[in-house]
Amino acid sequence: MGDRGETQTHYCCPGICGCCRQRIGSPRTAINDPRVADLIQSGRLRVALGLGSPELAMKDANTGEVRGPALDLARALAEKIGVKLEPIEYPRPGAVLAGLKNNEWDLTFLVADPARLALAEFSSPYMQSDFTYLVPAGSSKRRVADMDQPGTRVAVPRGDASDLRLTQILKHAELVRVDSIATAIDMVHAGNIDAYAGPRVVLLALSNKAPGSGILADGFANIVWVAMVPKGETGHIAYVSDFLEEAKATGLVKQIIDQANLRGLQVAPSGRAN
């Protein structure tokens, strides 16, 4: 992290996807809103996308196309403000915050972990789920309580929310930090680790890549997803929170979740984050 080389691609959104044609307000409704005046002046919204997690953004290895709820919401927000969307790709969600050092983005969508509060302002939550474990075929692990044992090896994507949370929770098990979600799934399939930790929605979407694997029924923490902006950008985050509250109320967030077929993920209740 912190290596500028982790930023992969800058490109412009070619248009609004079908699911985002359910508009929130009309284009350029923010033209006189001082909270986003600088974005309107620049004519662009730079949105960081952490790839590899289906509840945020995935990239098709064959076509290079990026899809996911984070990109859909970014398109709708850019249209509402009336500016061009400029998505910026990072190899995994945990690599996104490194881009703050070089002022690489204006907005991102991530799990709201307290460890990230020192670097970013959080919006209202817009989605929620829980963290749990994916275990290999034939595993004797049945509950979360079975995991924190000496000799147990748990894979997490380096810097992701599951890594941050389990660093605080686990006292005896060993965290094995990997550089991609795909690597962790391969380790589960090969039986090289005892579990892979992540949001339930991610594990449900990816478990078919590790045939015979299982997902524990209980979880080790509840989680919510939020928009984030660089620390101190209070006007931006207030505007984005209003946007997300409206997106929940109009059904746009649910529509995006349903079209992505994300099991284990729900719309967060209405209300501002504390």
C-alpha atoms as a PDB file:
ATOM      1  CA  MET A   1       0.000   0.000   0.000  1.00  0.00           C
ATOM      2  CA  GLY A   2       1.109   3.500  -0.641  1.00  0.00           C
ATOM      3  CA  ASP A   3       2.764   2.442  -3.924  1.00  0.00           C
ATOM      4  CA  ARG A   4       1.318   4.573  -6.650  1.00  0.00           C
ATOM      5  CA  GLY A   5       1.661   1.560  -8.905  1.00  0.00           C
ATOM      6  CA  GLU A   6      -1.405   0.056  -7.260  1.00  0.00           C
ATOM      7  CA  THR A   7      -3.577   2.494  -9.208  1.00  0.00           C
ATOM      8  CA  GLN A   8      -4.386   0.622 -12.386  1.00  0.00           C
ATOM      9  CA  THR A   9      -6.678   2.596 -14.631  1.00  0.00           C
ATOM     10  CA  HIS A  10      -8.327   5.963 -15.081  1.00  0.00           C
ATOM     11  CA  TYR A  11     -11.178   6.052 -17.554  1.00  0.00           C
ATOM     12  CA  CYS A  12     -14.376   7.922 -18.229  1.00  0.00           C
ATOM     13  CA  CYS A  13     -17.845   6.464 -17.797  1.00  0.00           C
ATOM     14  CA  PRO A  14     -19.295   5.871 -21.280  1.00  0.00           C
ATOM     15  CA  GLY A  15     -22.857   6.306 -20.090  1.00  0.00           C
ATOM     16  CA  ILE A  16     -25.395   5.542 -17.423  1.00  0.00           C
ATOM     17  CA  CYS A  17     -26.151   1.849 -16.939  1.00  0.00           C
ATOM     18  CA  GLY A  18     -29.701   0.604 -17.167  1.00  0.00           C
ATOM     19  CA  CYS A  19     -30.186   0.164 -13.439  1.00  0.00           C
ATOM     20  CA  CYS A  20     -29.152   3.764 -12.837  1.00  0.00           C
ATOM     21  CA  ARG A  21     -31.653   5.253 -15.261  1.00  0.00           C
ATOM     22  CA  GLN A  22     -33.948   5.437 -12.268  1.00  0.00           C
ATOM     23  CA  ARG A  23     -32.629   8.893 -11.565  1.00  0.00           C
ATOM     24  CA  ILE A  24     -32.443  10.612  -8.247  1.00  0.00           C
ATOM     25  CA  GLY A  25     -33.424  14.157  -9.023  1.00  0.00           C
ATOM     26  CA  SER A  26     -32.352  15.489 -12.402  1.00  0.00           C
ATOM     27  CA  PRO A  27     -28.916  16.212 -13.867  1.00  0.00           C
ATOM     28  CA  ARG A  28     -27.229  19.344 -12.570  1.00  0.00           C
ATOM     29  CA  THR A  29     -29.603  19.743  -9.614  1.00  0.00           C
ATOM     30  CA  ALA A  30     -26.496  20.434  -7.515  1.00  0.00           C
ATOM     31  CA  ILE A  31     -25.331  23.304  -9.709  1.00  0.00           C
ATOM     32  CA  ASN A  32     -25.923  25.885  -6.959  1.00  0.00           C
ATOM     33  CA  ASP A  33     -25.029  23.655  -4.008  1.00  0.00           C
ATOM     34  CA  PRO A  34     -21.891  25.050  -2.334  1.00  0.00           C
ATOM     35  CA  ARG A  35     -21.093  21.653  -0.821  1.00  0.00           C
ATOM     36  CA  VAL A  36     -19.978  20.333  -4.226  1.00  0.00           C
ATOM     37  CA  ALA A  37     -19.082  23.594  -5.959  1.00  0.00           C
ATOM     38  CA  ASP A  38     -15.468  22.493  -6.478  1.00  0.00           C
ATOM     39  CA  LEU A  39     -16.577  19.252  -8.175  1.00  0.00           C
ATOM     40  CA  ILE A  40     -18.901  21.182 -10.464  1.00  0.00           C
ATOM     41  CA  GLN A  41     -16.084  23.578 -11.324  1.00  0.00           C
ATOM     42  CA  SER A  42     -13.719  20.715 -12.147  1.00  0.00           C
ATOM     43  CA  GLY A  43     -16.413  18.980 -14.192  1.00  0.00           C
ATOM     44  CA  ARG A  44     -15.567  15.518 -12.887  1.00  0.00           C
ATOM     45  CA  LEU A  45     -16.083  13.133  -9.986  1.00  0.00           C
ATOM     46  CA  ARG A  46     -13.118  10.820  -9.356  1.00  0.00           C
ATOM     47  CA  VAL A  47     -14.404   7.617  -7.735  1.00  0.00           C
ATOM     48  CA  ALA A  48     -12.004   4.962  -6.421  1.00  0.00           C
ATOM     49  CA  LEU A  49     -13.101   1.371  -7.062  1.00  0.00           C
ATOM     50  CA  GLY A  50     -11.535  -1.463  -5.066  1.00  0.00           C
ATOM     51  CA  LEU A  51     -11.804  -4.453  -7.399  1.00  0.00           C
ATOM     52  CA  GLY A  52     -12.398  -8.106  -6.597  1.00  0.00           C
ATOM     53  CA  SER A  53     -15.304  -7.843  -4.165  1.00  0.00           C
ATOM     54  CA  PRO A  54     -18.768  -8.361  -5.700  1.00  0.00           C
ATOM     55  CA  GLU A  55     -20.576  -5.975  -3.375  1.00  0.00           C
ATOM     56  CA  LEU A  56     -18.278  -3.193  -4.619  1.00  0.00           C
ATOM     57  CA  ALA A  57     -16.814  -3.836  -8.080  1.00  0.00           C
ATOM     58  CA  MET A  58     -15.624  -6.779 -10.183  1.00  0.00           C
ATOM     59  CA  LYS A  59     -13.605  -6.718 -13.410  1.00  0.00           C
ATOM     60  CA  ASP A  60     -14.213  -9.277 -16.155  1.00  0.00           C
ATOM     61  CA  ALA A  61     -10.854 -10.868 -16.914  1.00  0.00           C
ATOM     62  CA  ASN A  62     -11.788 -11.425 -20.565  1.00  0.00           C
ATOM     63  CA  THR A  63     -13.506  -8.174 -21.521  1.00  0.00           C
ATOM     64  CA  GLY A  64     -12.039  -5.761 -18.969  1.00  0.00           C
ATOM     65  CA  GLU A  65     -15.560  -4.556 -18.132  1.00  0.00           C
ATOM     66  CA  VAL A  66     -16.103  -3.377 -14.564  1.00  0.00           C
ATOM     67  CA  ARG A  67     -19.451  -3.898 -12.873  1.00  0.00           C
ATOM     68  CA  GLY A  68     -20.829  -3.607  -9.362  1.00  0.00           C
ATOM     69  CA  PRO A  69     -22.892  -1.553  -6.908  1.00  0.00           C
ATOM     70  CA  ALA A  70     -20.104   0.946  -6.238  1.00  0.00           C
ATOM     71  CA  LEU A  71     -19.864   1.822  -9.928  1.00  0.00           C
ATOM     72  CA  ASP A  72     -23.667   1.980 -10.311  1.00  0.00           C
ATOM     73  CA  LEU A  73     -23.994   4.387  -7.375  1.00  0.00           C
ATOM     74  CA  ALA A  74     -21.072   6.450  -8.640  1.00  0.00           C
ATOM     75  CA  ARG A  75     -22.772   6.852 -12.020  1.00  0.00           C
ATOM     76  CA  ALA A  76     -26.016   7.966 -10.421  1.00  0.00           C
ATOM     77  CA  LEU A  77     -24.207  10.440  -8.160  1.00  0.00           C
ATOM     78  CA  ALA A  78     -22.178  11.949 -10.999  1.00  0.00           C
ATOM     79  CA  GLU A  79     -25.346  12.359 -13.042  1.00  0.00           C
ATOM     80  CA  LYS A  80     -27.111  14.066 -10.150  1.00  0.00           C
ATOM     81  CA  ILE A  81     -24.247  16.521  -9.676  1.00  0.00           C
ATOM     82  CA  GLY A  82     -24.016  17.018 -13.433  1.00  0.00           C
ATOM     83  CA  VAL A  83     -20.359  16.086 -13.892  1.00  0.00           C
ATOM     84  CA  LYS A  84     -18.356  13.429 -15.733  1.00  0.00           C
ATOM     85  CA  LEU A  85     -17.589  10.241 -13.823  1.00  0.00           C
ATOM     86  CA  GLU A  86     -13.922   9.242 -13.701  1.00  0.00           C
ATOM     87  CA  PRO A  87     -13.591   5.769 -12.119  1.00  0.00           C
ATOM     88  CA  ILE A  88     -10.141   4.906 -10.769  1.00  0.00           C
ATOM     89  CA  GLU A  89      -9.322   1.238 -10.252  1.00  0.00           C
ATOM     90  CA  TYR A  90      -7.373  -0.351  -7.403  1.00  0.00           C
ATOM     91  CA  PRO A  91      -6.535  -4.070  -7.199  1.00  0.00           C
ATOM     92  CA  ARG A  92      -8.534  -4.661  -4.008  1.00  0.00           C
ATOM     93  CA  PRO A  93     -10.666  -2.614  -1.579  1.00  0.00           C
ATOM     94  CA  GLY A  94      -7.889  -2.461   1.004  1.00  0.00           C
ATOM     95  CA  ALA A  95      -5.607  -0.649  -1.461  1.00  0.00           C
ATOM     96  CA  VAL A  96      -7.975   2.265  -2.062  1.00  0.00           C
ATOM     97  CA  LEU A  97      -7.040   4.466   0.886  1.00  0.00           C
ATOM     98  CA  ALA A  98      -3.406   4.502  -0.214  1.00  0.00           C
ATOM     99  CA  GLY A  99      -4.556   6.788  -3.019  1.00  0.00           C
ATOM    100  CA  LEU A 100      -5.248   9.560  -0.526  1.00  0.00           C
ATOM    101  CA  LYS A 101      -1.524  10.247  -0.231  1.00  0.00           C
ATOM    102  CA  ASN A 102      -1.448  11.473  -3.810  1.00  0.00           C
ATOM    103  CA  ASN A 103      -4.944  13.015  -3.937  1.00  0.00           C
ATOM    104  CA  GLU A 104      -6.006  10.411  -6.488  1.00  0.00           C
ATOM    105  CA  TRP A 105      -9.765  10.370  -5.828  1.00  0.00           C
ATOM    106  CA  ASP A 106     -12.722  12.366  -4.480  1.00  0.00           C
ATOM    107  CA  LEU A 107     -14.981   9.533  -3.309  1.00  0.00           C
ATOM    108  CA  THR A 108     -15.002   5.808  -2.676  1.00  0.00           C
ATOM    109  CA  PHE A 109     -17.303   3.104  -1.282  1.00  0.00           C
ATOM    110  CA  LEU A 110     -15.990   0.753   1.424  1.00  0.00           C
ATOM    111  CA  VAL A 111     -16.863  -1.077   4.628  1.00  0.00           C
ATOM    112  CA  ALA A 112     -17.107   1.378   7.536  1.00  0.00           C
ATOM    113  CA  ASP A 113     -14.285   0.190   9.752  1.00  0.00           C
ATOM    114  CA  PRO A 114     -13.290   2.488  12.664  1.00  0.00           C
ATOM    115  CA  ALA A 115      -9.630   2.150  11.660  1.00  0.00           C
ATOM    116  CA  ARG A 116     -10.443   4.160   8.523  1.00  0.00           C
ATOM    117  CA  LEU A 117     -11.892   7.151  10.374  1.00  0.00           C
ATOM    118  CA  ALA A 118      -8.477   8.730  10.749  1.00  0.00           C
ATOM    119  CA  LEU A 119      -8.191   9.067   6.965  1.00  0.00           C
ATOM    120  CA  ALA A 120     -11.727   9.544   5.696  1.00  0.00           C
ATOM    121  CA  GLU A 121     -15.147  11.018   6.393  1.00  0.00           C
ATOM    122  CA  PHE A 122     -18.010   8.478   6.410  1.00  0.00           C
ATOM    123  CA  SER A 123     -21.460   8.916   4.860  1.00  0.00           C
ATOM    124  CA  SER A 124     -24.692   7.344   5.973  1.00  0.00           C
ATOM    125  CA  PRO A 125     -24.592   3.528   5.627  1.00  0.00           C
ATOM    126  CA  TYR A 126     -26.309   2.296   2.480  1.00  0.00           C
ATOM    127  CA  MET A 127     -25.868  -1.523   2.700  1.00  0.00           C
ATOM    128  CA  GLN A 128     -25.375  -4.001   5.527  1.00  0.00           C
ATOM    129  CA  SER A 129     -24.389  -7.628   6.150  1.00  0.00           C
ATOM    130  CA  ASP A 130     -22.029  -9.498   8.483  1.00  0.00           C
ATOM    131  CA  PHE A 131     -18.534 -10.972   8.509  1.00  0.00           C
ATOM    132  CA  THR A 132     -18.094 -14.725   8.674  1.00  0.00           C
ATOM    133  CA  TYR A 133     -15.793 -17.529   7.493  1.00  0.00           C
ATOM    134  CA  LEU A 134     -15.538 -19.740   4.408  1.00  0.00           C
ATOM    135  CA  VAL A 135     -14.025 -23.110   5.340  1.00  0.00           C
ATOM    136  CA  PRO A 136     -12.602 -25.853   3.083  1.00  0.00           C
ATOM    137  CA  ALA A 137     -14.376 -29.109   2.307  1.00  0.00           C
ATOM    138  CA  GLY A 138     -14.219 -31.502   5.260  1.00  0.00           C
ATOM    139  CA  SER A 139     -13.444 -28.784   7.814  1.00  0.00           C
ATOM    140  CA  SER A 140     -14.247 -29.487  11.460  1.00  0.00           C
ATOM    141  CA  LYS A 141     -14.917 -25.777  12.063  1.00  0.00           C
ATOM    142  CA  ARG A 142     -18.638 -25.217  12.577  1.00  0.00           C
ATOM    143  CA  ARG A 143     -18.938 -21.934  14.471  1.00  0.00           C
ATOM    144  CA  VAL A 144     -17.040 -18.661  14.834  1.00  0.00           C
ATOM    145  CA  ALA A 145     -15.966 -19.747  18.321  1.00  0.00           C
ATOM    146  CA  ASP A 146     -14.021 -22.637  16.735  1.00  0.00           C
ATOM    147  CA  MET A 147     -11.694 -20.292  14.873  1.00  0.00           C
ATOM    148  CA  ASP A 148      -9.591 -18.496  17.467  1.00  0.00           C
ATOM    149  CA  GLN A 149      -7.418 -21.479  18.344  1.00  0.00           C
ATOM    150  CA  PRO A 150      -3.628 -21.945  18.260  1.00  0.00           C
ATOM    151  CA  GLY A 151      -2.536 -23.374  14.925  1.00  0.00           C
ATOM    152  CA  THR A 152      -5.608 -22.104  13.022  1.00  0.00           C
ATOM    153  CA  ARG A 153      -4.713 -20.110   9.902  1.00  0.00           C
ATOM    154  CA  VAL A 154      -7.212 -17.533   8.583  1.00  0.00           C
ATOM    155  CA  ALA A 155      -6.688 -15.804   5.229  1.00  0.00           C
ATOM    156  CA  VAL A 156      -7.698 -12.162   4.744  1.00  0.00           C
ATOM    157  CA  PRO A 157      -7.049  -9.725   1.891  1.00  0.00           C
ATOM    158  CA  ARG A 158      -4.346  -7.365   3.109  1.00  0.00           C
ATOM    159  CA  GLY A 159      -5.779  -4.089   4.437  1.00  0.00           C
ATOM    160  CA  ASP A 160      -9.405  -5.051   3.812  1.00  0.00           C
ATOM    161  CA  ALA A 161     -12.056  -4.602   6.482  1.00  0.00           C
ATOM    162  CA  SER A 162     -11.880  -8.274   7.514  1.00  0.00           C
ATOM    163  CA  ASP A 163      -8.130  -7.864   8.116  1.00  0.00           C
ATOM    164  CA  LEU A 164      -8.683  -4.711  10.189  1.00  0.00           C
ATOM    165  CA  ARG A 165     -11.460  -6.285  12.260  1.00  0.00           C
ATOM    166  CA  LEU A 166      -9.791  -9.644  12.943  1.00  0.00           C
ATOM    167  CA  THR A 167      -6.525  -7.943  13.881  1.00  0.00           C
ATOM    168  CA  GLN A 168      -8.480  -6.640  16.871  1.00  0.00           C
ATOM    169  CA  ILE A 169     -10.532  -9.783  17.560  1.00  0.00           C
ATOM    170  CA  LEU A 170      -8.242 -12.810  17.180  1.00  0.00           C
ATOM    171  CA  LYS A 171      -5.888 -13.652  20.034  1.00  0.00           C
ATOM    172  CA  HIS A 172      -4.608 -17.126  19.100  1.00  0.00           C
ATOM    173  CA  ALA A 173      -5.307 -17.845  15.411  1.00  0.00           C
ATOM    174  CA  GLU A 174      -2.810 -16.692  12.758  1.00  0.00           C
ATOM    175  CA  LEU A 175      -3.867 -14.177  10.113  1.00  0.00           C
ATOM    176  CA  VAL A 176      -2.495 -14.962   6.653  1.00  0.00           C
ATOM    177  CA  ARG A 177      -2.598 -11.719   4.659  1.00  0.00           C
ATOM    178  CA  VAL A 178      -2.879 -12.109   0.896  1.00  0.00           C
ATOM    179  CA  ASP A 179      -2.855  -9.577  -1.921  1.00  0.00           C
ATOM    180  CA  SER A 180      -6.088 -10.596  -3.648  1.00  0.00           C
ATOM    181  CA  ILE A 181      -9.412 -12.208  -2.858  1.00  0.00           C
ATOM    182  CA  ALA A 182      -8.782 -14.727  -5.659  1.00  0.00           C
ATOM    183  CA  THR A 183      -5.616 -15.906  -3.901  1.00  0.00           C
ATOM    184  CA  ALA A 184      -7.546 -16.499  -0.675  1.00  0.00           C
ATOM    185  CA  ILE A 185     -10.230 -18.520  -2.490  1.00  0.00           C
ATOM    186  CA  ASP A 186      -7.532 -20.636  -4.164  1.00  0.00           C
ATOM    187  CA  MET A 187      -6.016 -21.333  -0.745  1.00  0.00           C
ATOM    188  CA  VAL A 188      -9.402 -22.500   0.561  1.00  0.00           C
ATOM    189  CA  HIS A 189      -9.878 -24.762  -2.460  1.00  0.00           C
ATOM    190  CA  ALA A 190      -6.410 -26.258  -1.995  1.00  0.00           C
ATOM    191  CA  GLY A 191      -6.926 -26.736   1.751  1.00  0.00           C
ATOM    192  CA  ASN A 192      -3.877 -24.620   2.559  1.00  0.00           C
ATOM    193  CA  ILE A 193      -5.694 -22.576   5.214  1.00  0.00           C
ATOM    194  CA  ASP A 194      -8.386 -23.244   7.787  1.00  0.00           C
ATOM    195  CA  ALA A 195     -10.689 -20.408   6.720  1.00  0.00           C
ATOM    196  CA  TYR A 196     -11.076 -17.280   4.647  1.00  0.00           C
ATOM    197  CA  ALA A 197     -12.736 -14.343   6.416  1.00  0.00           C
ATOM    198  CA  GLY A 198     -14.908 -11.806   4.637  1.00  0.00           C
ATOM    199  CA  PRO A 199     -18.373 -10.286   4.292  1.00  0.00           C
ATOM    200  CA  ARG A 200     -21.036 -12.991   3.980  1.00  0.00           C
ATOM    201  CA  VAL A 201     -22.192 -11.517   0.676  1.00  0.00           C
ATOM    202  CA  VAL A 202     -18.682 -11.928  -0.757  1.00  0.00           C
ATOM    203  CA  LEU A 203     -18.328 -15.498   0.476  1.00  0.00           C
ATOM    204  CA  LEU A 204     -21.730 -16.492  -0.931  1.00  0.00           C
ATOM    205  CA  ALA A 205     -20.811 -15.056  -4.308  1.00  0.00           C
ATOM    206  CA  LEU A 206     -17.384 -16.704  -4.463  1.00  0.00           C
ATOM    207  CA  SER A 207     -17.888 -20.037  -2.664  1.00  0.00           C
ATOM    208  CA  ASN A 208     -18.557 -21.876  -5.957  1.00  0.00           C
ATOM    209  CA  LYS A 209     -14.909 -21.265  -6.828  1.00  0.00           C
ATOM    210  CA  ALA A 210     -13.972 -23.588  -3.949  1.00  0.00           C
ATOM    211  CA  PRO A 211     -16.200 -26.660  -4.488  1.00  0.00           C
ATOM    212  CA  GLY A 212     -17.257 -28.406  -1.293  1.00  0.00           C
ATOM    213  CA  SER A 213     -16.452 -25.397   0.885  1.00  0.00           C
ATOM    214  CA  GLY A 214     -18.917 -24.175   3.505  1.00  0.00           C
ATOM    215  CA  ILE A 215     -19.927 -20.857   5.052  1.00  0.00           C
ATOM    216  CA  LEU A 216     -20.483 -20.668   8.815  1.00  0.00           C
ATOM    217  CA  ALA A 217     -24.022 -19.855   9.940  1.00  0.00           C
ATOM    218  CA  ASP A 218     -22.939 -17.294  12.525  1.00  0.00           C
ATOM    219  CA  GLY A 219     -20.810 -14.196  12.039  1.00  0.00           C
ATOM    220  CA  PHE A 220     -18.057 -12.441  13.987  1.00  0.00           C
ATOM    221  CA  ALA A 221     -19.173  -8.839  13.346  1.00  0.00           C
ATOM    222  CA  ASN A 222     -21.935  -6.830  11.709  1.00  0.00           C
ATOM    223  CA  ILE A 223     -20.828  -4.538   8.917  1.00  0.00           C
ATOM    224  CA  VAL A 224     -22.142  -1.628   6.893  1.00  0.00           C
ATOM    225  CA  TRP A 225     -20.955  -0.056   3.651  1.00  0.00           C
ATOM    226  CA  VAL A 226     -20.575   3.695   3.347  1.00  0.00           C
ATOM    227  CA  ALA A 227     -19.252   6.288   0.967  1.00  0.00           C
ATOM    228  CA  MET A 228     -15.968   7.876   2.037  1.00  0.00           C
ATOM    229  CA  VAL A 229     -14.265  11.129   1.110  1.00  0.00           C
ATOM    230  CA  PRO A 230     -10.859  12.460   2.217  1.00  0.00           C
ATOM    231  CA  LYS A 231     -10.705  13.692   5.801  1.00  0.00           C
ATOM    232  CA  GLY A 232     -11.957  17.250   6.167  1.00  0.00           C
ATOM    233  CA  GLU A 233     -14.226  17.225   3.100  1.00  0.00           C
ATOM    234  CA  THR A 234     -17.327  17.760   5.241  1.00  0.00           C
ATOM    235  CA  GLY A 235     -19.343  19.450   2.503  1.00  0.00           C
ATOM    236  CA  HIS A 236     -18.801  16.556   0.124  1.00  0.00           C
ATOM    237  CA  ILE A 237     -19.801  13.911   2.660  1.00  0.00           C
ATOM    238  CA  ALA A 238     -22.929  15.831   3.697  1.00  0.00           C
ATOM    239  CA  TYR A 239     -24.026  16.001   0.062  1.00  0.00           C
ATOM    240  CA  VAL A 240     -23.255  12.307  -0.539  1.00  0.00           C
ATOM    241  CA  SER A 241     -25.146  11.292   2.619  1.00  0.00           C
ATOM    242  CA  ASP A 242     -28.213  13.139   1.337  1.00  0.00           C
ATOM    243  CA  PHE A 243     -27.811  11.372  -2.009  1.00  0.00           C
ATOM    244  CA  LEU A 244     -27.589   7.934  -0.362  1.00  0.00           C
ATOM    245  CA  GLU A 245     -30.590   8.572   1.887  1.00  0.00           C
ATOM    246  CA  GLU A 246     -32.590   9.445  -1.212  1.00  0.00           C
ATOM    247  CA  ALA A 247     -31.199   6.407  -3.054  1.00  0.00           C
ATOM    248  CA  LYS A 248     -32.433   4.166  -0.234  1.00  0.00           C
ATOM    249  CA  ALA A 249     -35.834   5.853  -0.067  1.00  0.00           C
ATOM    250  CA  THR A 250     -36.469   5.654  -3.818  1.00  0.00           C
ATOM    251  CA  GLY A 251     -35.474   1.989  -3.989  1.00  0.00           C
ATOM    252  CA  LEU A 252     -32.362   2.561  -6.101  1.00  0.00           C
ATOM    253  CA  VAL A 253     -30.017   0.831  -3.643  1.00  0.00           C
ATOM    254  CA  LYS A 254     -32.296  -2.230  -3.443  1.00  0.00           C
ATOM    255  CA  GLN A 255     -32.578  -2.306  -7.227  1.00  0.00           C
ATOM    256  CA  ILE A 256     -28.799  -2.277  -7.576  1.00  0.00           C
ATOM    257  CA  ILE A 257     -28.422  -5.088  -5.004  1.00  0.00           C
ATOM    258  CA  ASP A 258     -31.117  -7.196  -6.692  1.00  0.00           C
ATOM    259  CA  GLN A 259     -29.719  -6.740 -10.191  1.00  0.00           C
ATOM    260  CA  ALA A 260     -26.293  -7.822  -8.954  1.00  0.00           C
ATOM    261  CA  ASN A 261     -27.919 -10.905  -7.336  1.00  0.00           C
ATOM    262  CA  LEU A 262     -26.087 -10.334  -4.068  1.00  0.00           C
ATOM    263  CA  ARG A 263     -27.370 -12.778  -1.465  1.00  0.00           C
ATOM    264  CA  GLY A 264     -26.782 -11.926   2.185  1.00  0.00           C
ATOM    265  CA  LEU A 265     -26.852  -8.175   1.573  1.00  0.00           C
ATOM    266  CA  GLN A 266     -29.575  -5.739   2.657  1.00  0.00           C
ATOM    267  CA  VAL A 267     -30.329  -2.057   2.323  1.00  0.00           C
ATOM    268  CA  ALA A 268     -29.265  -0.224   5.485  1.00  0.00           C
ATOM    269  CA  PRO A 269     -32.026   1.473   7.496  1.00  0.00           C
ATOM    270  CA  SER A 270     -32.726   5.119   6.870  1.00  0.00           C
ATOM    271  CA  GLY A 271     -30.820   7.586   9.018  1.00  0.00           C
ATOM    272  CA  ARG A 272     -27.478   9.324   9.240  1.00  0.00           C
ATOM    273  CA  ALA A 273     -24.364   7.689  10.581  1.00  0.00           C
ATOM    274  CA  ASN A 274     -23.309   8.772  14.061  1.00  0.00           C
END
